[in-house]
Amino acid sequence: MSRIEQAGGIPVRKDDRGWWVLFVRSKKDPSLWIFPKGHIEAGESAPETALRETIEESGVEGELLGPVGEPLEFQSGREAVRVRYFLIRATAEAESPEGRRKAWYHVDEAGDHLRFENTRQLLRDVKERLASLS
């Protein structure tokens, strides 16, 4: 069985109360908060995909800070999917071009909004990485 390779962005920003992380609503299941992600297009690198998908799904532009966590692997219907995530420091924000709902959550409370353990682990990896940036 073939595996679909995707990349995603984890947008973050910092203010006087600490670090915040952005989620968007899933297209397939709008009850889920997820990180922006999508298919790697021909001729595109995974980091380029992460930046593009973050803009397309959330309207957030940013600076790539590098890969974070282990790739997430899961089944989407009949397809095996592998997503490599990249940390992105937000530099500008507009409405989601796809009209998706989005929300910024303080990194210490963001895990309460995630349903799956592998995504919560990814968030823990993000928190570890952010601690080194503070």
Protein backbone atom coordinates (compact mmCIF):
# COMPACT_ATOMS: atom_id res chain seq x y z
CA MET A 1 0.00 0.00 0.00
CA SER A 2 1.34 3.43 -0.89
CA ARG A 3 1.60 6.20 1.64
CA ILE A 4 0.62 9.81 1.05
CA GLU A 5 3.31 12.25 2.13
CA GLN A 6 2.08 15.54 3.57
CA ALA A 7 3.57 18.46 5.46
CA GLY A 8 2.03 20.81 7.95
CA GLY A 9 2.71 23.99 9.83
CA ILE A 10 2.38 24.71 13.51
CA PRO A 11 2.01 28.49 13.74
CA VAL A 12 3.12 30.07 17.02
CA ARG A 13 3.34 33.59 18.39
CA LYS A 14 4.52 35.09 21.66
CA ASP A 15 3.19 37.90 23.81
CA ASP A 16 3.61 39.01 27.42
CA ARG A 17 1.54 35.97 28.56
CA GLY A 18 3.73 33.43 26.73
CA TRP A 19 3.48 31.29 23.62
CA TRP A 20 0.29 30.68 21.64
CA VAL A 21 -0.38 28.00 19.03
CA LEU A 22 -2.89 28.08 16.19
CA PHE A 23 -5.41 25.38 15.26
CA VAL A 24 -7.84 25.22 12.36
CA ARG A 25 -11.02 23.16 12.06
CA SER A 26 -10.67 19.93 10.08
CA LYS A 27 -12.46 19.82 6.72
CA LYS A 28 -13.44 16.15 7.11
CA ASP A 29 -14.61 16.49 10.72
CA PRO A 30 -15.27 20.12 11.77
CA SER A 31 -15.49 19.04 15.42
CA LEU A 32 -11.70 18.50 15.36
CA TRP A 33 -9.04 21.16 15.88
CA ILE A 34 -5.93 20.35 13.84
CA PHE A 35 -2.71 21.93 12.65
CA PRO A 36 -2.74 23.13 9.01
CA LYS A 37 -1.44 20.43 6.65
CA GLY A 38 -1.71 19.13 3.13
CA HIS A 39 -0.24 17.26 0.19
CA ILE A 40 3.29 17.97 -0.98
CA GLU A 41 2.95 19.14 -4.58
CA ALA A 42 5.35 18.19 -7.39
CA GLY A 43 8.57 20.18 -7.15
CA GLU A 44 7.74 21.42 -3.66
CA SER A 45 9.74 20.65 -0.52
CA ALA A 46 8.08 19.67 2.76
CA PRO A 47 8.98 23.03 4.39
CA GLU A 48 7.51 24.90 1.39
CA THR A 49 4.33 22.84 1.70
CA ALA A 50 4.09 23.63 5.42
CA LEU A 51 4.30 27.38 4.74
CA ARG A 52 1.84 27.22 1.82
CA GLU A 53 -0.73 25.09 3.63
CA THR A 54 -0.55 27.32 6.71
CA ILE A 55 -1.36 30.37 4.58
CA GLU A 56 -4.10 28.58 2.60
CA GLU A 57 -5.86 27.06 5.61
CA SER A 58 -5.37 29.76 8.25
CA GLY A 59 -4.31 33.00 6.58
CA VAL A 60 -1.17 33.04 8.73
CA GLU A 61 2.18 33.87 7.13
CA GLY A 62 5.38 33.22 8.98
CA GLU A 63 9.02 32.41 9.38
CA LEU A 64 10.00 28.76 9.23
CA LEU A 65 11.75 27.69 12.44
CA GLY A 66 12.37 24.09 11.37
CA PRO A 67 10.94 20.61 11.81
CA VAL A 68 9.33 19.63 15.10
CA GLY A 69 8.41 16.25 16.58
CA GLU A 70 8.16 12.92 14.84
CA PRO A 71 6.05 12.58 11.69
CA LEU A 72 2.44 11.60 12.41
CA GLU A 73 1.16 8.49 10.64
CA PHE A 74 -2.52 7.58 10.39
CA GLN A 75 -5.21 6.15 8.14
CA SER A 76 -7.49 8.55 6.31
CA GLY A 77 -10.18 6.32 4.90
CA ARG A 78 -8.27 3.73 2.84
CA GLU A 79 -5.11 5.85 2.57
CA ALA A 80 -2.05 5.71 4.79
CA VAL A 81 -0.85 9.27 5.50
CA ARG A 82 2.45 10.53 6.90
CA VAL A 83 2.71 14.20 7.93
CA ARG A 84 5.95 16.01 8.77
CA TYR A 85 5.33 19.17 10.82
CA PHE A 86 7.30 22.41 10.92
CA LEU A 87 7.25 25.16 13.51
CA ILE A 88 6.34 28.56 12.04
CA ARG A 89 6.65 31.89 13.86
CA ALA A 90 3.65 33.95 12.74
CA THR A 91 4.54 37.30 11.14
CA ALA A 92 1.19 38.29 9.57
CA GLU A 93 -2.40 37.13 9.76
CA ALA A 94 -5.50 37.52 7.60
CA GLU A 95 -8.78 35.64 7.34
CA SER A 96 -8.51 32.01 6.27
CA PRO A 97 -8.65 31.92 2.43
CA GLU A 98 -10.57 28.62 2.78
CA GLY A 99 -13.01 30.13 5.26
CA ARG A 100 -11.91 27.80 8.04
CA ARG A 101 -12.52 28.56 11.68
CA LYS A 102 -9.28 29.05 13.54
CA ALA A 103 -8.25 29.78 17.09
CA TRP A 104 -5.11 30.67 19.01
CA TYR A 105 -4.66 28.79 22.29
CA HIS A 106 -2.05 29.33 24.97
CA VAL A 107 0.44 26.50 24.57
CA ASP A 108 -0.20 25.33 28.16
CA GLU A 109 -3.95 24.92 27.48
CA ALA A 110 -3.88 23.89 23.82
CA GLY A 111 -3.73 20.15 24.55
CA ASP A 112 -7.23 20.33 26.02
CA HIS A 113 -8.52 20.97 22.48
CA LEU A 114 -6.80 18.00 20.82
CA ARG A 115 -8.53 14.62 20.57
CA PHE A 116 -5.67 12.33 19.53
CA GLU A 117 -2.67 11.30 21.63
CA ASN A 118 -0.20 11.55 18.74
CA THR A 119 -1.22 15.19 18.22
CA ARG A 120 -0.92 15.90 21.96
CA GLN A 121 2.60 14.40 21.84
CA LEU A 122 3.42 16.69 18.93
CA LEU A 123 2.21 19.63 21.03
CA ARG A 124 4.50 18.51 23.89
CA ASP A 125 7.39 18.49 21.38
CA VAL A 126 6.39 22.03 20.33
CA LYS A 127 6.39 23.21 23.96
CA GLU A 128 9.87 21.75 24.45
CA ARG A 129 11.12 23.52 21.33
CA LEU A 130 9.50 26.82 22.37
CA ALA A 131 11.18 26.65 25.79
CA SER A 132 14.53 26.73 23.98
CA LEU A 133 13.43 29.84 22.02
CA SER A 134 12.26 31.88 25.01
